[in-house]
Amino acid sequence: MLIDAWFNRQTEVINRAPLLSGVQISKEFNVPEGPKIGEIKDAVMEAQLNQIVSSYKEALEFASRLV
């Protein structure tokens, strides 16, 4: 599956733009600058890549459970 994604669907699966940025996470949830934002951002990106979240709204809901 990963090999197929890498060779045939790289922009669709591998190189996706993140649904949430660190700045958005900080503003939405009042999280101060620091490693916590990176942890949340990484978790949201992983959820996005695993197709657990697919929209900005879903990403916000997912991130809210991590804050």
C-alpha atoms as a PDB file:
ATOM      1  CA  MET A   1       0.000   0.000   0.000  1.00  0.00           C
ATOM      2  CA  LEU A   2       2.792   2.431   0.874  1.00  0.00           C
ATOM      3  CA  ILE A   3       4.739   1.593  -2.277  1.00  0.00           C
ATOM      4  CA  ASP A   4       1.642   2.156  -4.410  1.00  0.00           C
ATOM      5  CA  ALA A   5       1.005   5.469  -2.646  1.00  0.00           C
ATOM      6  CA  TRP A   6       4.617   6.571  -3.097  1.00  0.00           C
ATOM      7  CA  PHE A   7       4.754   5.811  -6.814  1.00  0.00           C
ATOM      8  CA  ASN A   8       1.176   6.324  -7.976  1.00  0.00           C
ATOM      9  CA  ARG A   9      -0.538   8.693  -5.569  1.00  0.00           C
ATOM     10  CA  GLN A  10       2.249  10.669  -3.942  1.00  0.00           C
ATOM     11  CA  THR A  11       0.600  14.103  -4.044  1.00  0.00           C
ATOM     12  CA  GLU A  12      -2.724  12.640  -2.947  1.00  0.00           C
ATOM     13  CA  VAL A  13      -1.425  10.534  -0.053  1.00  0.00           C
ATOM     14  CA  ILE A  14       2.171  11.366   0.842  1.00  0.00           C
ATOM     15  CA  ASN A  15       2.521  15.100   0.182  1.00  0.00           C
ATOM     16  CA  ARG A  16      -0.772  16.336   1.591  1.00  0.00           C
ATOM     17  CA  ALA A  17      -0.965  19.832   2.963  1.00  0.00           C
ATOM     18  CA  PRO A  18      -1.757  19.792   6.678  1.00  0.00           C
ATOM     19  CA  LEU A  19      -5.350  20.610   7.605  1.00  0.00           C
ATOM     20  CA  LEU A  20      -4.187  22.600  10.653  1.00  0.00           C
ATOM     21  CA  SER A  21      -1.106  24.712  11.180  1.00  0.00           C
ATOM     22  CA  GLY A  22       0.610  25.342  14.476  1.00  0.00           C
ATOM     23  CA  VAL A  23      -0.643  28.937  14.422  1.00  0.00           C
ATOM     24  CA  GLN A  24      -4.239  27.754  13.935  1.00  0.00           C
ATOM     25  CA  ILE A  25      -3.900  25.282  16.811  1.00  0.00           C
ATOM     26  CA  SER A  26      -2.474  27.991  19.065  1.00  0.00           C
ATOM     27  CA  LYS A  27      -5.271  30.445  18.217  1.00  0.00           C
ATOM     28  CA  GLU A  28      -8.173  27.970  18.292  1.00  0.00           C
ATOM     29  CA  PHE A  29      -7.241  26.326  21.589  1.00  0.00           C
ATOM     30  CA  ASN A  30      -5.174  29.041  23.278  1.00  0.00           C
ATOM     31  CA  VAL A  31      -2.156  26.735  23.476  1.00  0.00           C
ATOM     32  CA  PRO A  32       1.085  28.619  24.179  1.00  0.00           C
ATOM     33  CA  GLU A  33       3.987  28.286  21.787  1.00  0.00           C
ATOM     34  CA  GLY A  34       5.982  25.171  22.557  1.00  0.00           C
ATOM     35  CA  PRO A  35       6.293  21.424  22.015  1.00  0.00           C
ATOM     36  CA  LYS A  36       2.602  20.738  22.764  1.00  0.00           C
ATOM     37  CA  ILE A  37       1.592  22.450  19.507  1.00  0.00           C
ATOM     38  CA  GLY A  38       4.000  20.248  17.551  1.00  0.00           C
ATOM     39  CA  GLU A  39       2.626  17.125  19.218  1.00  0.00           C
ATOM     40  CA  ILE A  40      -0.949  18.093  18.356  1.00  0.00           C
ATOM     41  CA  LYS A  41      -0.006  19.082  14.808  1.00  0.00           C
ATOM     42  CA  ASP A  42       1.814  15.769  14.257  1.00  0.00           C
ATOM     43  CA  ALA A  43      -1.118  13.776  15.633  1.00  0.00           C
ATOM     44  CA  VAL A  44      -3.582  15.619  13.383  1.00  0.00           C
ATOM     45  CA  MET A  45      -1.334  15.057  10.365  1.00  0.00           C
ATOM     46  CA  GLU A  46      -1.070  11.353  11.174  1.00  0.00           C
ATOM     47  CA  ALA A  47      -4.858  11.162  11.490  1.00  0.00           C
ATOM     48  CA  GLN A  48      -5.145  12.947   8.151  1.00  0.00           C
ATOM     49  CA  LEU A  49      -2.764  10.523   6.457  1.00  0.00           C
ATOM     50  CA  ASN A  50      -4.665   7.571   7.950  1.00  0.00           C
ATOM     51  CA  GLN A  51      -7.911   9.095   6.653  1.00  0.00           C
ATOM     52  CA  ILE A  52      -9.351   9.514  10.137  1.00  0.00           C
ATOM     53  CA  VAL A  53      -9.888  13.226   9.449  1.00  0.00           C
ATOM     54  CA  SER A  54     -10.456  14.757   6.048  1.00  0.00           C
ATOM     55  CA  SER A  55     -11.670  18.308   6.662  1.00  0.00           C
ATOM     56  CA  TYR A  56     -10.723  21.357   8.670  1.00  0.00           C
ATOM     57  CA  LYS A  57     -13.729  20.828  10.959  1.00  0.00           C
ATOM     58  CA  GLU A  58     -12.811  17.181  11.614  1.00  0.00           C
ATOM     59  CA  ALA A  59      -9.208  18.201  12.273  1.00  0.00           C
ATOM     60  CA  LEU A  60     -10.368  20.783  14.824  1.00  0.00           C
ATOM     61  CA  GLU A  61     -12.559  18.207  16.568  1.00  0.00           C
ATOM     62  CA  PHE A  62      -9.693  15.713  16.627  1.00  0.00           C
ATOM     63  CA  ALA A  63      -7.260  18.325  17.969  1.00  0.00           C
ATOM     64  CA  SER A  64      -9.718  19.425  20.645  1.00  0.00           C
ATOM     65  CA  ARG A  65      -9.552  15.925  22.155  1.00  0.00           C
ATOM     66  CA  LEU A  66      -5.762  16.248  22.401  1.00  0.00           C
ATOM     67  CA  VAL A  67      -5.631  19.656  24.077  1.00  0.00           C
END
